[in-house]
Amino acid sequence: MQEIIDSIDRWLTEGQSVALATVVDTWGSAPRGVGSKMGVSDSMSMIGSVSGGCVETAVINEAIDSLADHTPRLLNFGVSDDTAWEVGLTCGGRISVFVESLDQQWWTLAKQSVQTDHATTTITILSGDHIGQKLVLDGDGQILYQTPNFPADQCADVITVARQQQSSRRLTVNDLDLMVDVQAPRPHLILIGGVHVSIPLEAIARQMGFRVSLIDPRRAFATPERFPNVKHILHTYPNEALPELGIDSHTYVAVLTHDPKIDDKALTTALPSNAAYIGVLSSGRTHQKRLERLRAAGIDESLFQKIRTPIGIDIGAKTPEEIALCIMSEIIAVRNGVL
């Protein structure tokens, strides 16, 4: 959703009406996942995507109609539908897209959650008498927002089921057809060392939707001039800086300095945590010496298997940009559960 915020806010500031289209279900080789979003203004401008181009034109037309009649609608496209062939969905997949006028109160809450990396879950009724009604939960499952006509007698059951969801999906709870849209915090890449490879690695990670922080006690390496898009640059050692930033299951740590005084402190702090990824830029020989130091520091040897080194997927990388690509490829593979 991050990529549509600025455009939608600009349209609203200009006084335009805005519709929101959300992928609520997919089958087969649908090109965009559940939860993907597209904004459409009443001037027929668009931002985001619900199908990678296959059905956007049809969805835009329905969005304009929705703004005109103030009625949400659930659209279905598949290769067996004549409409799907007309709009270009010939790739073997089917998708369902929910189109609605933008609820500005919900929008303010949702975008703030995205921008501050707070978890929220939005439940939207997709059909029936209460179509379009919403319920929003925070990361602890408490109600943040509820539209006036969301059926009160269904709230408890809906909340119970929604709390169990780890990703966005369409569900039926009792007689309600629902979209449960889980907005997780952005994955967090923490770079240990403002070395040359960190510059393209930060840029790639940001393009992939990661928020990036940088730790390096050597101030000359970690400057706003070298890393203008990094919000958090910390000039303390990793054993102090990592707890300050926080490490959780959405955290990915890339240890890059080649300086044992810095790298070892990063590992002694990160290894006992539940970080999703810990990669270290080093050779095999250097790594064996590192493990000896970690043993001497009292780190449990069972944690050593969490270290990925040499860091990154082997693509024969030579330049800093290629090395950054191989590191980010490994991080994405871990995040997607294929490594």
C-alpha atoms as a PDB file:
ATOM      1  CA  MET A   1       0.000   0.000   0.000  1.00  0.00           C
ATOM      2  CA  GLN A   2       2.964   2.289   0.550  1.00  0.00           C
ATOM      3  CA  GLU A   3       3.253   3.069  -3.166  1.00  0.00           C
ATOM      4  CA  ILE A   4      -0.276   4.485  -3.474  1.00  0.00           C
ATOM      5  CA  ILE A   5      -0.326   6.786  -0.435  1.00  0.00           C
ATOM      6  CA  ASP A   6       1.216   9.947  -1.909  1.00  0.00           C
ATOM      7  CA  SER A   7      -0.950   9.956  -5.037  1.00  0.00           C
ATOM      8  CA  ILE A   8      -4.190   9.331  -3.169  1.00  0.00           C
ATOM      9  CA  ASP A   9      -3.373  12.028  -0.623  1.00  0.00           C
ATOM     10  CA  ARG A  10      -2.683  14.464  -3.470  1.00  0.00           C
ATOM     11  CA  TRP A  11      -6.000  13.649  -5.147  1.00  0.00           C
ATOM     12  CA  LEU A  12      -7.858  14.180  -1.873  1.00  0.00           C
ATOM     13  CA  THR A  13      -6.086  17.501  -1.322  1.00  0.00           C
ATOM     14  CA  GLU A  14      -7.158  18.557  -4.817  1.00  0.00           C
ATOM     15  CA  GLY A  15     -10.778  17.765  -3.897  1.00  0.00           C
ATOM     16  CA  GLN A  16     -11.089  14.702  -6.109  1.00  0.00           C
ATOM     17  CA  SER A  17     -13.196  11.687  -5.219  1.00  0.00           C
ATOM     18  CA  VAL A  18     -11.237   8.444  -4.939  1.00  0.00           C
ATOM     19  CA  ALA A  19     -12.151   4.782  -5.305  1.00  0.00           C
ATOM     20  CA  LEU A  20     -10.073   1.910  -3.959  1.00  0.00           C
ATOM     21  CA  ALA A  21      -9.804  -1.489  -5.649  1.00  0.00           C
ATOM     22  CA  THR A  22      -8.434  -4.452  -3.681  1.00  0.00           C
ATOM     23  CA  VAL A  23      -7.658  -7.998  -4.812  1.00  0.00           C
ATOM     24  CA  VAL A  24      -9.653 -10.215  -2.450  1.00  0.00           C
ATOM     25  CA  ASP A  25      -9.194 -13.643  -4.010  1.00  0.00           C
ATOM     26  CA  THR A  26      -7.016 -15.335  -6.637  1.00  0.00           C
ATOM     27  CA  TRP A  27      -6.803 -18.716  -8.333  1.00  0.00           C
ATOM     28  CA  GLY A  28      -4.202 -20.129 -10.688  1.00  0.00           C
ATOM     29  CA  SER A  29      -1.602 -17.800 -12.150  1.00  0.00           C
ATOM     30  CA  ALA A  30      -3.159 -14.487 -11.142  1.00  0.00           C
ATOM     31  CA  PRO A  31      -0.365 -11.893 -11.427  1.00  0.00           C
ATOM     32  CA  ARG A  32      -1.087  -9.915  -8.218  1.00  0.00           C
ATOM     33  CA  GLY A  33      -1.598 -11.270  -4.739  1.00  0.00           C
ATOM     34  CA  VAL A  34      -4.498 -10.911  -2.325  1.00  0.00           C
ATOM     35  CA  GLY A  35      -4.429  -7.470  -0.724  1.00  0.00           C
ATOM     36  CA  SER A  36      -2.898  -5.718  -3.763  1.00  0.00           C
ATOM     37  CA  LYS A  37      -4.466  -2.300  -4.240  1.00  0.00           C
ATOM     38  CA  MET A  38      -5.158   0.304  -6.897  1.00  0.00           C
ATOM     39  CA  GLY A  39      -6.452   3.827  -6.363  1.00  0.00           C
ATOM     40  CA  VAL A  40      -8.629   5.528  -8.998  1.00  0.00           C
ATOM     41  CA  SER A  41      -9.551   9.217  -9.009  1.00  0.00           C
ATOM     42  CA  ASP A  42     -12.707  10.674 -10.537  1.00  0.00           C
ATOM     43  CA  SER A  43     -10.480  12.105 -13.283  1.00  0.00           C
ATOM     44  CA  MET A  44      -9.557   8.473 -14.160  1.00  0.00           C
ATOM     45  CA  SER A  45      -6.005   8.728 -12.861  1.00  0.00           C
ATOM     46  CA  MET A  46      -4.733   5.495 -11.332  1.00  0.00           C
ATOM     47  CA  ILE A  47      -1.996   4.371  -8.973  1.00  0.00           C
ATOM     48  CA  GLY A  48      -1.048   0.828  -7.999  1.00  0.00           C
ATOM     49  CA  SER A  49      -2.200  -2.373  -9.678  1.00  0.00           C
ATOM     50  CA  VAL A  50      -4.606  -5.254  -9.159  1.00  0.00           C
ATOM     51  CA  SER A  51      -3.545  -7.459 -12.060  1.00  0.00           C
ATOM     52  CA  GLY A  52      -0.285  -6.257 -13.566  1.00  0.00           C
ATOM     53  CA  GLY A  53      -2.247  -4.713 -16.447  1.00  0.00           C
ATOM     54  CA  CYS A  54      -4.658  -7.518 -17.342  1.00  0.00           C
ATOM     55  CA  VAL A  55      -7.942  -6.084 -16.042  1.00  0.00           C
ATOM     56  CA  GLU A  56      -7.073  -2.552 -14.962  1.00  0.00           C
ATOM     57  CA  THR A  57      -9.196  -0.856 -17.618  1.00  0.00           C
ATOM     58  CA  ALA A  58     -12.328  -2.757 -16.587  1.00  0.00           C
ATOM     59  CA  VAL A  59     -11.649  -2.086 -12.906  1.00  0.00           C
ATOM     60  CA  ILE A  60     -11.153   1.643 -13.560  1.00  0.00           C
ATOM     61  CA  ASN A  61     -14.514   1.837 -15.321  1.00  0.00           C
ATOM     62  CA  GLU A  62     -16.216   0.045 -12.437  1.00  0.00           C
ATOM     63  CA  ALA A  63     -14.444   2.351  -9.967  1.00  0.00           C
ATOM     64  CA  ILE A  64     -15.803   5.423 -11.746  1.00  0.00           C
ATOM     65  CA  ASP A  65     -19.294   3.891 -11.649  1.00  0.00           C
ATOM     66  CA  SER A  66     -18.866   3.159  -7.950  1.00  0.00           C
ATOM     67  CA  LEU A  67     -18.002   6.802  -7.284  1.00  0.00           C
ATOM     68  CA  ALA A  68     -21.100   7.842  -9.198  1.00  0.00           C
ATOM     69  CA  ASP A  69     -23.606   5.559  -7.480  1.00  0.00           C
ATOM     70  CA  HIS A  70     -21.805   5.220  -4.107  1.00  0.00           C
ATOM     71  CA  THR A  71     -22.176   1.438  -4.289  1.00  0.00           C
ATOM     72  CA  PRO A  72     -19.322  -1.015  -3.643  1.00  0.00           C
ATOM     73  CA  ARG A  73     -19.044  -3.959  -5.994  1.00  0.00           C
ATOM     74  CA  LEU A  74     -17.280  -7.302  -6.156  1.00  0.00           C
ATOM     75  CA  LEU A  75     -15.815  -8.068  -9.587  1.00  0.00           C
ATOM     76  CA  ASN A  76     -14.768 -11.502 -10.838  1.00  0.00           C
ATOM     77  CA  PHE A  77     -12.472 -12.160 -13.793  1.00  0.00           C
ATOM     78  CA  GLY A  78     -11.344 -15.517 -15.153  1.00  0.00           C
ATOM     79  CA  VAL A  79     -10.327 -17.115 -18.412  1.00  0.00           C
ATOM     80  CA  SER A  80     -13.762 -18.697 -18.730  1.00  0.00           C
ATOM     81  CA  ASP A  81     -15.430 -15.272 -18.725  1.00  0.00           C
ATOM     82  CA  ASP A  82     -15.921 -13.412 -22.011  1.00  0.00           C
ATOM     83  CA  THR A  83     -15.140 -10.202 -20.112  1.00  0.00           C
ATOM     84  CA  ALA A  84     -11.783 -11.583 -19.042  1.00  0.00           C
ATOM     85  CA  TRP A  85     -10.753 -12.297 -22.631  1.00  0.00           C
ATOM     86  CA  GLU A  86     -11.835  -8.813 -23.627  1.00  0.00           C
ATOM     87  CA  VAL A  87      -9.659  -7.193 -20.971  1.00  0.00           C
ATOM     88  CA  GLY A  88      -6.691  -9.475 -21.513  1.00  0.00           C
ATOM     89  CA  LEU A  89      -6.758 -11.990 -18.647  1.00  0.00           C
ATOM     90  CA  THR A  90      -5.575 -14.918 -20.756  1.00  0.00           C
ATOM     91  CA  CYS A  91      -2.784 -16.070 -18.457  1.00  0.00           C
ATOM     92  CA  GLY A  92      -4.709 -18.921 -16.861  1.00  0.00           C
ATOM     93  CA  GLY A  93      -5.708 -17.225 -13.622  1.00  0.00           C
ATOM     94  CA  ARG A  94      -8.803 -15.790 -11.985  1.00  0.00           C
ATOM     95  CA  ILE A  95      -9.129 -12.879  -9.624  1.00  0.00           C
ATOM     96  CA  SER A  96     -11.814 -11.202  -7.554  1.00  0.00           C
ATOM     97  CA  VAL A  97     -11.526  -7.456  -6.979  1.00  0.00           C
ATOM     98  CA  PHE A  98     -13.522  -5.390  -4.512  1.00  0.00           C
ATOM     99  CA  VAL A  99     -14.174  -1.789  -5.587  1.00  0.00           C
ATOM    100  CA  GLU A 100     -15.441   0.896  -3.202  1.00  0.00           C
ATOM    101  CA  SER A 101     -15.438   4.626  -2.600  1.00  0.00           C
ATOM    102  CA  LEU A 102     -12.561   5.509  -0.299  1.00  0.00           C
ATOM    103  CA  ASP A 103     -13.581   5.707   3.356  1.00  0.00           C
ATOM    104  CA  GLN A 104     -11.459   8.702   4.354  1.00  0.00           C
ATOM    105  CA  GLN A 105     -11.609   7.993   8.074  1.00  0.00           C
ATOM    106  CA  TRP A 106     -10.371   4.465   7.411  1.00  0.00           C
ATOM    107  CA  TRP A 107      -7.777   5.807   4.975  1.00  0.00           C
ATOM    108  CA  THR A 108      -6.249   8.155   7.570  1.00  0.00           C
ATOM    109  CA  LEU A 109      -5.914   5.289  10.041  1.00  0.00           C
ATOM    110  CA  ALA A 110      -4.608   2.792   7.486  1.00  0.00           C
ATOM    111  CA  LYS A 111      -1.963   5.054   5.997  1.00  0.00           C
ATOM    112  CA  GLN A 112      -0.710   6.102   9.442  1.00  0.00           C
ATOM    113  CA  SER A 113      -0.311   2.445  10.344  1.00  0.00           C
ATOM    114  CA  VAL A 114       1.699   1.831   7.170  1.00  0.00           C
ATOM    115  CA  GLN A 115       3.863   4.904   7.640  1.00  0.00           C
ATOM    116  CA  THR A 116       4.638   4.074  11.280  1.00  0.00           C
ATOM    117  CA  ASP A 117       5.011   0.318  10.671  1.00  0.00           C
ATOM    118  CA  HIS A 118       2.223  -0.696  13.020  1.00  0.00           C
ATOM    119  CA  ALA A 119       0.303  -3.896  12.373  1.00  0.00           C
ATOM    120  CA  THR A 120      -3.397  -3.583  11.577  1.00  0.00           C
ATOM    121  CA  THR A 121      -6.088  -5.857  10.165  1.00  0.00           C
ATOM    122  CA  THR A 122      -8.996  -4.484   8.143  1.00  0.00           C
ATOM    123  CA  ILE A 123     -12.095  -6.656   7.804  1.00  0.00           C
ATOM    124  CA  THR A 124     -14.449  -5.669   4.949  1.00  0.00           C
ATOM    125  CA  ILE A 125     -17.817  -7.252   4.164  1.00  0.00           C
ATOM    126  CA  LEU A 126     -17.833  -8.139   0.461  1.00  0.00           C
ATOM    127  CA  SER A 127     -21.481  -8.894  -0.257  1.00  0.00           C
ATOM    128  CA  GLY A 128     -24.992  -8.829   1.120  1.00  0.00           C
ATOM    129  CA  ASP A 129     -26.896  -6.172   3.023  1.00  0.00           C
ATOM    130  CA  HIS A 130     -23.763  -4.913   4.806  1.00  0.00           C
ATOM    131  CA  ILE A 131     -21.450  -4.751   1.797  1.00  0.00           C
ATOM    132  CA  GLY A 132     -18.556  -2.351   2.338  1.00  0.00           C
ATOM    133  CA  GLN A 133     -18.826  -2.183   6.126  1.00  0.00           C
ATOM    134  CA  LYS A 134     -15.453  -2.301   7.902  1.00  0.00           C
ATOM    135  CA  LEU A 135     -13.832  -3.263  11.156  1.00  0.00           C
ATOM    136  CA  VAL A 136     -10.169  -2.440  11.907  1.00  0.00           C
ATOM    137  CA  LEU A 137      -8.077  -4.189  14.560  1.00  0.00           C
ATOM    138  CA  ASP A 138      -4.664  -3.265  15.931  1.00  0.00           C
ATOM    139  CA  GLY A 139      -1.790  -5.719  16.344  1.00  0.00           C
ATOM    140  CA  ASP A 140      -3.292  -6.971  19.615  1.00  0.00           C
ATOM    141  CA  GLY A 141      -6.708  -7.569  18.072  1.00  0.00           C
ATOM    142  CA  GLN A 142      -8.373  -4.552  19.661  1.00  0.00           C
ATOM    143  CA  ILE A 143     -10.891  -2.501  17.662  1.00  0.00           C
ATOM    144  CA  LEU A 144      -9.467   0.724  16.232  1.00  0.00           C
ATOM    145  CA  TYR A 145     -12.343   1.604  13.910  1.00  0.00           C
ATOM    146  CA  GLN A 146     -15.801   0.311  13.079  1.00  0.00           C
ATOM    147  CA  THR A 147     -18.241   1.614  10.494  1.00  0.00           C
ATOM    148  CA  PRO A 148     -21.753   2.324  11.842  1.00  0.00           C
ATOM    149  CA  ASN A 149     -23.521  -0.555  10.126  1.00  0.00           C
ATOM    150  CA  PHE A 150     -21.045  -3.354  10.744  1.00  0.00           C
ATOM    151  CA  PRO A 151     -23.287  -6.036  12.322  1.00  0.00           C
ATOM    152  CA  ALA A 152     -22.641  -5.827  16.045  1.00  0.00           C
ATOM    153  CA  ASP A 153     -23.839  -9.359  16.710  1.00  0.00           C
ATOM    154  CA  GLN A 154     -21.095 -10.710  14.435  1.00  0.00           C
ATOM    155  CA  CYS A 155     -18.148  -8.738  15.845  1.00  0.00           C
ATOM    156  CA  ALA A 156     -16.967 -11.277  18.410  1.00  0.00           C
ATOM    157  CA  ASP A 157     -16.839 -14.180  15.935  1.00  0.00           C
ATOM    158  CA  VAL A 158     -15.235 -12.046  13.221  1.00  0.00           C
ATOM    159  CA  ILE A 159     -12.540 -10.759  15.583  1.00  0.00           C
ATOM    160  CA  THR A 160     -11.748 -14.264  16.819  1.00  0.00           C
ATOM    161  CA  VAL A 161     -11.164 -15.514  13.282  1.00  0.00           C
ATOM    162  CA  ALA A 162      -9.318 -12.376  12.117  1.00  0.00           C
ATOM    163  CA  ARG A 163      -6.839 -12.574  14.988  1.00  0.00           C
ATOM    164  CA  GLN A 164      -5.738 -15.987  13.731  1.00  0.00           C
ATOM    165  CA  GLN A 165      -4.760 -14.757  10.264  1.00  0.00           C
ATOM    166  CA  GLN A 166      -1.123 -14.144   9.397  1.00  0.00           C
ATOM    167  CA  SER A 167      -1.758 -12.919   5.855  1.00  0.00           C
ATOM    168  CA  SER A 168      -4.537 -11.330   3.820  1.00  0.00           C
ATOM    169  CA  ARG A 169      -7.299 -13.645   2.628  1.00  0.00           C
ATOM    170  CA  ARG A 170     -10.999 -13.976   1.902  1.00  0.00           C
ATOM    171  CA  LEU A 171     -13.016 -15.816   4.553  1.00  0.00           C
ATOM    172  CA  THR A 172     -16.569 -16.737   5.438  1.00  0.00           C
ATOM    173  CA  VAL A 173     -17.530 -16.220   9.069  1.00  0.00           C
ATOM    174  CA  ASN A 174     -21.056 -17.365   9.864  1.00  0.00           C
ATOM    175  CA  ASP A 175     -22.990 -15.855   6.940  1.00  0.00           C
ATOM    176  CA  LEU A 176     -20.546 -13.024   6.210  1.00  0.00           C
ATOM    177  CA  ASP A 177     -18.335 -12.967   3.110  1.00  0.00           C
ATOM    178  CA  LEU A 178     -15.224 -11.145   4.322  1.00  0.00           C
ATOM    179  CA  MET A 179     -11.878  -9.797   3.185  1.00  0.00           C
ATOM    180  CA  VAL A 180      -9.387  -9.964   6.053  1.00  0.00           C
ATOM    181  CA  ASP A 181      -6.599  -7.603   4.997  1.00  0.00           C
ATOM    182  CA  VAL A 182      -3.524  -8.009   7.200  1.00  0.00           C
ATOM    183  CA  GLN A 183      -1.124  -5.068   7.110  1.00  0.00           C
ATOM    184  CA  ALA A 184       2.131  -6.295   8.667  1.00  0.00           C
ATOM    185  CA  PRO A 185       5.026  -3.967   9.488  1.00  0.00           C
ATOM    186  CA  ARG A 186       7.549  -3.597   6.693  1.00  0.00           C
ATOM    187  CA  PRO A 187      10.503  -5.968   6.940  1.00  0.00           C
ATOM    188  CA  HIS A 188      13.454  -4.221   8.566  1.00  0.00           C
ATOM    189  CA  LEU A 189      16.966  -4.531   7.106  1.00  0.00           C
ATOM    190  CA  ILE A 190      19.703  -3.488   9.506  1.00  0.00           C
ATOM    191  CA  LEU A 191      23.052  -2.829   7.858  1.00  0.00           C
ATOM    192  CA  ILE A 192      26.094  -3.275  10.079  1.00  0.00           C
ATOM    193  CA  GLY A 193      28.678  -1.042   8.432  1.00  0.00           C
ATOM    194  CA  GLY A 194      28.393   1.865   6.044  1.00  0.00           C
ATOM    195  CA  VAL A 195      30.720   0.175   3.551  1.00  0.00           C
ATOM    196  CA  HIS A 196      30.531   0.666  -0.188  1.00  0.00           C
ATOM    197  CA  VAL A 197      28.276  -2.338  -0.815  1.00  0.00           C
ATOM    198  CA  SER A 198      25.788  -0.964   1.724  1.00  0.00           C
ATOM    199  CA  ILE A 199      24.926   1.931  -0.592  1.00  0.00           C
ATOM    200  CA  PRO A 200      23.393  -0.152  -3.445  1.00  0.00           C
ATOM    201  CA  LEU A 201      22.070  -2.687  -0.914  1.00  0.00           C
ATOM    202  CA  GLU A 202      20.078   0.033   0.842  1.00  0.00           C
ATOM    203  CA  ALA A 203      18.679   1.240  -2.488  1.00  0.00           C
ATOM    204  CA  ILE A 204      17.595  -2.262  -3.583  1.00  0.00           C
ATOM    205  CA  ALA A 205      16.078  -3.052  -0.185  1.00  0.00           C
ATOM    206  CA  ARG A 206      14.084   0.173  -0.196  1.00  0.00           C
ATOM    207  CA  GLN A 207      12.746  -0.629  -3.674  1.00  0.00           C
ATOM    208  CA  MET A 208      11.701  -4.041  -2.352  1.00  0.00           C
ATOM    209  CA  GLY A 209       9.634  -2.442   0.401  1.00  0.00           C
ATOM    210  CA  PHE A 210      12.077  -2.795   3.304  1.00  0.00           C
ATOM    211  CA  ARG A 211      12.787  -0.088   5.815  1.00  0.00           C
ATOM    212  CA  VAL A 212      16.524   0.229   6.362  1.00  0.00           C
ATOM    213  CA  SER A 213      18.618   1.237   9.360  1.00  0.00           C
ATOM    214  CA  LEU A 214      22.396   1.626   9.511  1.00  0.00           C
ATOM    215  CA  ILE A 215      24.782   0.979  12.387  1.00  0.00           C
ATOM    216  CA  ASP A 216      28.431   1.998  12.254  1.00  0.00           C
ATOM    217  CA  PRO A 217      30.456   3.577  15.081  1.00  0.00           C
ATOM    218  CA  ARG A 218      32.819   4.951  12.427  1.00  0.00           C
ATOM    219  CA  ARG A 219      31.094   8.244  11.684  1.00  0.00           C
ATOM    220  CA  ALA A 220      32.917   8.833   8.420  1.00  0.00           C
ATOM    221  CA  PHE A 221      31.310   5.724   6.923  1.00  0.00           C
ATOM    222  CA  ALA A 222      27.734   6.325   8.077  1.00  0.00           C
ATOM    223  CA  THR A 223      26.685   9.813   7.021  1.00  0.00           C
ATOM    224  CA  PRO A 224      23.460  11.305   5.647  1.00  0.00           C
ATOM    225  CA  GLU A 225      25.405  12.302   2.545  1.00  0.00           C
ATOM    226  CA  ARG A 226      26.258   8.661   1.785  1.00  0.00           C
ATOM    227  CA  PHE A 227      22.853   7.354   2.912  1.00  0.00           C
ATOM    228  CA  PRO A 228      20.331  10.154   2.314  1.00  0.00           C
ATOM    229  CA  ASN A 229      17.287   7.854   2.482  1.00  0.00           C
ATOM    230  CA  VAL A 230      18.139   6.077   5.736  1.00  0.00           C
ATOM    231  CA  LYS A 231      16.103   7.485   8.601  1.00  0.00           C
ATOM    232  CA  HIS A 232      17.996   5.782  11.431  1.00  0.00           C
ATOM    233  CA  ILE A 233      21.794   6.021  11.363  1.00  0.00           C
ATOM    234  CA  LEU A 234      23.368   5.011  14.664  1.00  0.00           C
ATOM    235  CA  HIS A 235      27.019   5.677  15.505  1.00  0.00           C
ATOM    236  CA  THR A 236      27.253   3.336  18.482  1.00  0.00           C
ATOM    237  CA  TYR A 237      28.489  -0.262  18.521  1.00  0.00           C
ATOM    238  CA  PRO A 238      25.949  -2.935  17.488  1.00  0.00           C
ATOM    239  CA  ASN A 239      25.590  -4.365  20.994  1.00  0.00           C
ATOM    240  CA  GLU A 240      24.121  -0.990  22.006  1.00  0.00           C
ATOM    241  CA  ALA A 241      22.414  -0.007  18.742  1.00  0.00           C
ATOM    242  CA  LEU A 242      20.591  -3.259  17.927  1.00  0.00           C
ATOM    243  CA  PRO A 243      18.536  -3.303  21.151  1.00  0.00           C
ATOM    244  CA  GLU A 244      17.704   0.345  20.534  1.00  0.00           C
ATOM    245  CA  LEU A 245      16.349  -0.447  17.057  1.00  0.00           C
ATOM    246  CA  GLY A 246      14.717  -3.668  18.185  1.00  0.00           C
ATOM    247  CA  ILE A 247      15.016  -7.122  16.635  1.00  0.00           C
ATOM    248  CA  ASP A 248      12.004  -9.291  15.838  1.00  0.00           C
ATOM    249  CA  SER A 249      10.907 -11.888  13.307  1.00  0.00           C
ATOM    250  CA  HIS A 250      10.635  -9.172  10.635  1.00  0.00           C
ATOM    251  CA  THR A 251      14.296  -8.133  11.083  1.00  0.00           C
ATOM    252  CA  TYR A 252      17.106  -8.971   8.655  1.00  0.00           C
ATOM    253  CA  VAL A 253      20.696  -8.250   9.712  1.00  0.00           C
ATOM    254  CA  ALA A 254      23.547  -7.864   7.200  1.00  0.00           C
ATOM    255  CA  VAL A 255      26.985  -7.739   8.873  1.00  0.00           C
ATOM    256  CA  LEU A 256      29.381  -6.120   6.432  1.00  0.00           C
ATOM    257  CA  THR A 257      32.361  -4.326   8.041  1.00  0.00           C
ATOM    258  CA  HIS A 258      35.071  -7.060   8.127  1.00  0.00           C
ATOM    259  CA  ASP A 259      36.055  -5.496  11.464  1.00  0.00           C
ATOM    260  CA  PRO A 260      35.836  -8.028  14.345  1.00  0.00           C
ATOM    261  CA  LYS A 261      35.370  -5.246  16.876  1.00  0.00           C
ATOM    262  CA  ILE A 262      32.133  -4.348  15.142  1.00  0.00           C
ATOM    263  CA  ASP A 263      30.982  -7.587  13.513  1.00  0.00           C
ATOM    264  CA  ASP A 264      31.424  -9.732  16.635  1.00  0.00           C
ATOM    265  CA  LYS A 265      29.328  -7.349  18.728  1.00  0.00           C
ATOM    266  CA  ALA A 266      26.608  -7.529  16.076  1.00  0.00           C
ATOM    267  CA  LEU A 267      26.576 -11.324  16.142  1.00  0.00           C
ATOM    268  CA  THR A 268      26.673 -11.727  19.913  1.00  0.00           C
ATOM    269  CA  THR A 269      23.570  -9.517  20.041  1.00  0.00           C
ATOM    270  CA  ALA A 270      21.687 -10.790  16.982  1.00  0.00           C
ATOM    271  CA  LEU A 271      22.236 -14.543  17.313  1.00  0.00           C
ATOM    272  CA  PRO A 272      20.168 -15.046  20.487  1.00  0.00           C
ATOM    273  CA  SER A 273      17.321 -12.976  18.978  1.00  0.00           C
ATOM    274  CA  ASN A 274      14.538 -14.144  16.671  1.00  0.00           C
ATOM    275  CA  ALA A 275      15.893 -12.215  13.665  1.00  0.00           C
ATOM    276  CA  ALA A 276      14.683 -13.737  10.400  1.00  0.00           C
ATOM    277  CA  TYR A 277      18.103 -13.483   8.767  1.00  0.00           C
ATOM    278  CA  ILE A 278      21.709 -12.956   9.840  1.00  0.00           C
ATOM    279  CA  GLY A 279      24.247 -12.753   7.025  1.00  0.00           C
ATOM    280  CA  VAL A 280      27.952 -12.006   7.282  1.00  0.00           C
ATOM    281  CA  LEU A 281      30.316 -10.810   4.553  1.00  0.00           C
ATOM    282  CA  SER A 282      33.421 -12.980   4.973  1.00  0.00           C
ATOM    283  CA  SER A 283      35.500 -15.863   3.678  1.00  0.00           C
ATOM    284  CA  GLY A 284      35.343 -19.369   5.115  1.00  0.00           C
ATOM    285  CA  ARG A 285      38.719 -19.036   6.827  1.00  0.00           C
ATOM    286  CA  THR A 286      37.756 -15.725   8.414  1.00  0.00           C
ATOM    287  CA  HIS A 287      34.499 -17.238   9.578  1.00  0.00           C
ATOM    288  CA  GLN A 288      36.220 -20.094  11.427  1.00  0.00           C
ATOM    289  CA  LYS A 289      38.255 -17.584  13.405  1.00  0.00           C
ATOM    290  CA  ARG A 290      35.062 -15.667  14.113  1.00  0.00           C
ATOM    291  CA  LEU A 291      33.374 -18.791  15.484  1.00  0.00           C
ATOM    292  CA  GLU A 292      36.316 -19.339  17.824  1.00  0.00           C
ATOM    293  CA  ARG A 293      35.859 -15.822  19.191  1.00  0.00           C
ATOM    294  CA  LEU A 294      32.114 -16.338  19.594  1.00  0.00           C
ATOM    295  CA  ARG A 295      32.720 -19.562  21.520  1.00  0.00           C
ATOM    296  CA  ALA A 296      35.139 -17.740  23.780  1.00  0.00           C
ATOM    297  CA  ALA A 297      32.465 -15.074  24.313  1.00  0.00           C
ATOM    298  CA  GLY A 298      30.076 -17.752  25.555  1.00  0.00           C
ATOM    299  CA  ILE A 299      27.679 -17.855  22.594  1.00  0.00           C
ATOM    300  CA  ASP A 300      25.755 -21.125  22.347  1.00  0.00           C
ATOM    301  CA  GLU A 301      27.210 -23.117  19.434  1.00  0.00           C
ATOM    302  CA  SER A 302      23.743 -24.243  18.369  1.00  0.00           C
ATOM    303  CA  LEU A 303      23.126 -20.652  17.251  1.00  0.00           C
ATOM    304  CA  PHE A 304      26.010 -20.678  14.764  1.00  0.00           C
ATOM    305  CA  GLN A 305      23.833 -22.390  12.152  1.00  0.00           C
ATOM    306  CA  LYS A 306      21.795 -19.188  11.920  1.00  0.00           C
ATOM    307  CA  ILE A 307      24.759 -17.375  10.350  1.00  0.00           C
ATOM    308  CA  ARG A 308      24.668 -17.217   6.547  1.00  0.00           C
ATOM    309  CA  THR A 309      28.175 -16.763   5.229  1.00  0.00           C
ATOM    310  CA  PRO A 310      29.560 -16.032   2.731  1.00  0.00           C
ATOM    311  CA  ILE A 311      26.599 -13.705   2.601  1.00  0.00           C
ATOM    312  CA  GLY A 312      24.281 -13.850  -0.398  1.00  0.00           C
ATOM    313  CA  ILE A 313      23.464 -16.220  -3.237  1.00  0.00           C
ATOM    314  CA  ASP A 314      26.456 -17.066  -5.413  1.00  0.00           C
ATOM    315  CA  ILE A 315      26.008 -15.328  -8.758  1.00  0.00           C
ATOM    316  CA  GLY A 316      29.720 -14.709  -9.350  1.00  0.00           C
ATOM    317  CA  ALA A 317      29.300 -11.150  -8.094  1.00  0.00           C
ATOM    318  CA  LYS A 318      32.254  -8.784  -8.411  1.00  0.00           C
ATOM    319  CA  THR A 319      31.030  -5.186  -8.204  1.00  0.00           C
ATOM    320  CA  PRO A 320      29.376  -3.666  -5.121  1.00  0.00           C
ATOM    321  CA  GLU A 321      26.092  -3.519  -7.017  1.00  0.00           C
ATOM    322  CA  GLU A 322      26.294  -7.211  -7.933  1.00  0.00           C
ATOM    323  CA  ILE A 323      27.204  -8.149  -4.358  1.00  0.00           C
ATOM    324  CA  ALA A 324      24.245  -6.106  -3.103  1.00  0.00           C
ATOM    325  CA  LEU A 325      21.999  -7.964  -5.547  1.00  0.00           C
ATOM    326  CA  CYS A 326      23.196 -11.370  -4.364  1.00  0.00           C
ATOM    327  CA  ILE A 327      22.664 -10.380  -0.710  1.00  0.00           C
ATOM    328  CA  MET A 328      19.166  -9.078  -1.341  1.00  0.00           C
ATOM    329  CA  SER A 329      18.318 -12.181  -3.382  1.00  0.00           C
ATOM    330  CA  GLU A 330      19.189 -14.366  -0.401  1.00  0.00           C
ATOM    331  CA  ILE A 331      17.162 -12.175   1.957  1.00  0.00           C
ATOM    332  CA  ILE A 332      14.109 -12.373  -0.324  1.00  0.00           C
ATOM    333  CA  ALA A 333      14.538 -16.145  -0.657  1.00  0.00           C
ATOM    334  CA  VAL A 334      14.578 -16.477   3.144  1.00  0.00           C
ATOM    335  CA  ARG A 335      11.587 -14.177   3.466  1.00  0.00           C
ATOM    336  CA  ASN A 336       9.652 -16.226   0.908  1.00  0.00           C
ATOM    337  CA  GLY A 337      10.567 -19.490   2.622  1.00  0.00           C
ATOM    338  CA  VAL A 338      12.605 -21.047  -0.192  1.00  0.00           C
ATOM    339  CA  LEU A 339      15.933 -20.953   1.683  1.00  0.00           C
END
